[in-house]
């Protein structure tokens, strides 16, 4: 049971990779007015 508890705690502490990417995308769109390729971001 300890191992199951530990893994569930880690899931709470560390978001999944896809969630991290989505958060990074939101933050980047807030502070960067253009995409990484230089195109204007219309979102």
PDB file of N, CA and C in Angstrom:
ATOM      1  N   UNK A   1       0.831  -1.215   0.000  1.00  0.00           N
ATOM      2  CA  UNK A   1       0.000   0.000   0.000  1.00  0.00           C
ATOM      3  C   UNK A   1       0.864   1.264   0.000  1.00  0.00           C
ATOM      4  N   UNK A   2       2.018   1.162   0.620  1.00  0.00           N
ATOM      5  CA  UNK A   2       2.874   2.350   0.645  1.00  0.00           C
ATOM      6  C   UNK A   2       3.272   2.778  -0.763  1.00  0.00           C
ATOM      7  N   UNK A   3       3.588   1.798  -1.606  1.00  0.00           N
ATOM      8  CA  UNK A   3       4.004   2.146  -2.961  1.00  0.00           C
ATOM      9  C   UNK A   3       2.868   2.814  -3.731  1.00  0.00           C
ATOM     10  N   UNK A   4       1.653   2.309  -3.561  1.00  0.00           N
ATOM     11  CA  UNK A   4       0.505   2.908  -4.250  1.00  0.00           C
ATOM     12  C   UNK A   4       0.293   4.338  -3.758  1.00  0.00           C
ATOM     13  N   UNK A   5       0.380   4.530  -2.463  1.00  0.00           N
ATOM     14  CA  UNK A   5       0.205   5.867  -1.899  1.00  0.00           C
ATOM     15  C   UNK A   5       1.268   6.827  -2.430  1.00  0.00           C
ATOM     16  N   UNK A   6       2.503   6.353  -2.475  1.00  0.00           N
ATOM     17  CA  UNK A   6       3.588   7.216  -2.936  1.00  0.00           C
ATOM     18  C   UNK A   6       3.375   7.640  -4.388  1.00  0.00           C
ATOM     19  N   UNK A   7       2.972   6.682  -5.236  1.00  0.00           N
ATOM     20  CA  UNK A   7       2.796   7.015  -6.641  1.00  0.00           C
ATOM     21  C   UNK A   7       1.633   7.991  -6.827  1.00  0.00           C
ATOM     22  N   UNK A   8       0.579   7.843  -6.037  1.00  0.00           N
ATOM     23  CA  UNK A   8      -0.540   8.775  -6.164  1.00  0.00           C
ATOM     24  C   UNK A   8      -0.136  10.155  -5.661  1.00  0.00           C
ATOM     25  N   UNK A   9       0.690  10.231  -4.623  1.00  0.00           N
ATOM     26  CA  UNK A   9       1.183  11.530  -4.168  1.00  0.00           C
ATOM     27  C   UNK A   9       2.033  12.191  -5.249  1.00  0.00           C
ATOM     28  N   UNK A  10       2.849  11.396  -5.924  1.00  0.00           N
ATOM     29  CA  UNK A  10       3.684  11.961  -6.976  1.00  0.00           C
ATOM     30  C   UNK A  10       2.833  12.488  -8.123  1.00  0.00           C
ATOM     31  N   UNK A  11       1.737  11.811  -8.415  1.00  0.00           N
ATOM     32  CA  UNK A  11       0.855  12.304  -9.482  1.00  0.00           C
ATOM     33  C   UNK A  11       0.283  13.668  -9.112  1.00  0.00           C
ATOM     34  N   UNK A  12      -0.021  13.875  -7.826  1.00  0.00           N
ATOM     35  CA  UNK A  12      -0.556  15.168  -7.403  1.00  0.00           C
ATOM     36  C   UNK A  12       0.536  16.235  -7.503  1.00  0.00           C
ATOM     37  N   UNK A  13       1.738  15.887  -7.071  1.00  0.00           N
ATOM     38  CA  UNK A  13       2.813  16.879  -7.042  1.00  0.00           C
ATOM     39  C   UNK A  13       3.318  17.203  -8.435  1.00  0.00           C
ATOM     40  N   UNK A  14       3.455  16.177  -9.280  1.00  0.00           N
ATOM     41  CA  UNK A  14       4.042  16.383 -10.592  1.00  0.00           C
ATOM     42  C   UNK A  14       2.975  16.179 -11.662  1.00  0.00           C
ATOM     43  N   UNK A  15       2.566  17.236 -12.350  1.00  0.00           N
ATOM     44  CA  UNK A  15       1.568  17.085 -13.411  1.00  0.00           C
ATOM     45  C   UNK A  15       2.139  16.268 -14.562  1.00  0.00           C
ATOM     46  N   UNK A  16       1.261  15.717 -15.354  1.00  0.00           N
ATOM     47  CA  UNK A  16       1.716  14.909 -16.484  1.00  0.00           C
ATOM     48  C   UNK A  16       2.405  15.802 -17.517  1.00  0.00           C
ATOM     49  N   UNK A  17       3.144  15.179 -18.415  1.00  0.00           N
ATOM     50  CA  UNK A  17       3.884  15.945 -19.413  1.00  0.00           C
ATOM     51  C   UNK A  17       2.937  16.768 -20.280  1.00  0.00           C
ATOM     52  N   UNK A  18       1.801  16.195 -20.670  1.00  0.00           N
ATOM     53  CA  UNK A  18       0.865  16.934 -21.521  1.00  0.00           C
ATOM     54  C   UNK A  18       0.299  18.138 -20.783  1.00  0.00           C
ATOM     55  N   UNK A  19       0.013  17.985 -19.488  1.00  0.00           N
ATOM     56  CA  UNK A  19      -0.480  19.128 -18.722  1.00  0.00           C
ATOM     57  C   UNK A  19       0.590  20.206 -18.622  1.00  0.00           C
ATOM     58  N   UNK A  20       1.839  19.808 -18.415  1.00  0.00           N
ATOM     59  CA  UNK A  20       2.928  20.781 -18.337  1.00  0.00           C
ATOM     60  C   UNK A  20       3.064  21.533 -19.646  1.00  0.00           C
ATOM     61  N   UNK A  21       2.974  20.822 -20.770  1.00  0.00           N
ATOM     62  CA  UNK A  21       3.081  21.475 -22.075  1.00  0.00           C
ATOM     63  C   UNK A  21       1.930  22.458 -22.262  1.00  0.00           C
ATOM     64  N   UNK A  22       0.715  22.078 -21.869  1.00  0.00           N
ATOM     65  CA  UNK A  22      -0.434  22.969 -22.028  1.00  0.00           C
ATOM     66  C   UNK A  22      -0.249  24.225 -21.189  1.00  0.00           C
ATOM     67  N   UNK A  23       0.244  24.070 -19.964  1.00  0.00           N
ATOM     68  CA  UNK A  23       0.483  25.244 -19.114  1.00  0.00           C
ATOM     69  C   UNK A  23       1.546  26.131 -19.751  1.00  0.00           C
ATOM     70  N   UNK A  24       2.626  25.532 -20.246  1.00  0.00           N
ATOM     71  CA  UNK A  24       3.681  26.318 -20.880  1.00  0.00           C
ATOM     72  C   UNK A  24       3.144  27.065 -22.094  1.00  0.00           C
ATOM     73  N   UNK A  25       2.266  26.438 -22.873  1.00  0.00           N
ATOM     74  CA  UNK A  25       1.667  27.100 -24.030  1.00  0.00           C
ATOM     75  C   UNK A  25       0.848  28.310 -23.595  1.00  0.00           C
ATOM     76  N   UNK A  26       0.034  28.157 -22.531  1.00  0.00           N
ATOM     77  CA  UNK A  26      -0.764  29.284 -22.051  1.00  0.00           C
ATOM     78  C   UNK A  26       0.126  30.425 -21.593  1.00  0.00           C
ATOM     79  N   UNK A  27       1.164  30.098 -20.842  1.00  0.00           N
ATOM     80  CA  UNK A  27       2.053  31.151 -20.337  1.00  0.00           C
ATOM     81  C   UNK A  27       2.761  31.843 -21.491  1.00  0.00           C
ATOM     82  N   UNK A  28       3.220  31.051 -22.463  1.00  0.00           N
ATOM     83  CA  UNK A  28       3.942  31.640 -23.587  1.00  0.00           C
ATOM     84  C   UNK A  28       3.021  32.557 -24.397  1.00  0.00           C
ATOM     85  N   UNK A  29       1.771  32.164 -24.576  1.00  0.00           N
ATOM     86  CA  UNK A  29       0.853  33.004 -25.348  1.00  0.00           C
ATOM     87  C   UNK A  29       0.508  34.276 -24.586  1.00  0.00           C
ATOM     88  N   UNK A  30       0.552  34.225 -23.244  1.00  0.00           N
ATOM     89  CA  UNK A  30       0.289  35.442 -22.477  1.00  0.00           C
ATOM     90  C   UNK A  30       1.409  36.458 -22.668  1.00  0.00           C
ATOM     91  N   UNK A  31       2.655  35.998 -22.676  1.00  0.00           N
ATOM     92  CA  UNK A  31       3.786  36.920 -22.606  1.00  0.00           C
ATOM     93  C   UNK A  31       4.537  37.069 -23.919  1.00  0.00           C
ATOM     94  N   UNK A  32       4.299  36.177 -24.888  1.00  0.00           N
ATOM     95  CA  UNK A  32       5.004  36.255 -26.165  1.00  0.00           C
ATOM     96  C   UNK A  32       3.981  36.524 -27.262  1.00  0.00           C
ATOM     97  N   UNK A  33       4.069  37.677 -27.931  1.00  0.00           N
ATOM     98  CA  UNK A  33       3.040  38.043 -28.911  1.00  0.00           C
ATOM     99  C   UNK A  33       3.194  37.323 -30.243  1.00  0.00           C
ATOM    100  N   UNK A  34       4.182  36.456 -30.394  1.00  0.00           N
ATOM    101  CA  UNK A  34       4.362  35.733 -31.648  1.00  0.00           C
ATOM    102  C   UNK A  34       4.784  34.304 -31.357  1.00  0.00           C
ATOM    103  N   UNK A  35       4.538  33.423 -32.332  1.00  0.00           N
ATOM    104  CA  UNK A  35       4.941  32.031 -32.176  1.00  0.00           C
ATOM    105  C   UNK A  35       6.455  31.908 -32.331  1.00  0.00           C
ATOM    106  N   UNK A  36       6.982  30.739 -31.982  1.00  0.00           N
ATOM    107  CA  UNK A  36       8.432  30.557 -32.024  1.00  0.00           C
ATOM    108  C   UNK A  36       8.976  30.675 -33.442  1.00  0.00           C
ATOM    109  N   UNK A  37       8.153  30.398 -34.461  1.00  0.00           N
ATOM    110  CA  UNK A  37       8.633  30.498 -35.839  1.00  0.00           C
ATOM    111  C   UNK A  37       8.557  31.930 -36.355  1.00  0.00           C
ATOM    112  N   UNK A  38       8.112  32.872 -35.541  1.00  0.00           N
ATOM    113  CA  UNK A  38       8.064  34.268 -35.943  1.00  0.00           C
ATOM    114  C   UNK A  38       6.702  34.702 -36.445  1.00  0.00           C
ATOM    115  N   UNK A  39       5.748  33.770 -36.562  1.00  0.00           N
ATOM    116  CA  UNK A  39       4.413  34.136 -37.023  1.00  0.00           C
ATOM    117  C   UNK A  39       3.641  34.870 -35.937  1.00  0.00           C
ATOM    118  N   UNK A  40       2.738  35.751 -36.333  1.00  0.00           N
ATOM    119  CA  UNK A  40       1.925  36.472 -35.355  1.00  0.00           C
ATOM    120  C   UNK A  40       0.955  35.497 -34.700  1.00  0.00           C
ATOM    121  N   UNK A  41       0.786  35.611 -33.396  1.00  0.00           N
ATOM    122  CA  UNK A  41      -0.139  34.738 -32.662  1.00  0.00           C
ATOM    123  C   UNK A  41      -1.485  35.443 -32.549  1.00  0.00           C
ATOM    124  N   UNK A  42      -2.500  34.904 -33.239  1.00  0.00           N
ATOM    125  CA  UNK A  42      -3.812  35.548 -33.258  1.00  0.00           C
ATOM    126  C   UNK A  42      -4.739  35.064 -32.156  1.00  0.00           C
ATOM    127  N   UNK A  43      -4.295  34.134 -31.330  1.00  0.00           N
ATOM    128  CA  UNK A  43      -5.183  33.592 -30.288  1.00  0.00           C
ATOM    129  C   UNK A  43      -5.363  34.612 -29.189  1.00  0.00           C
TER     130      UNK A  43
END
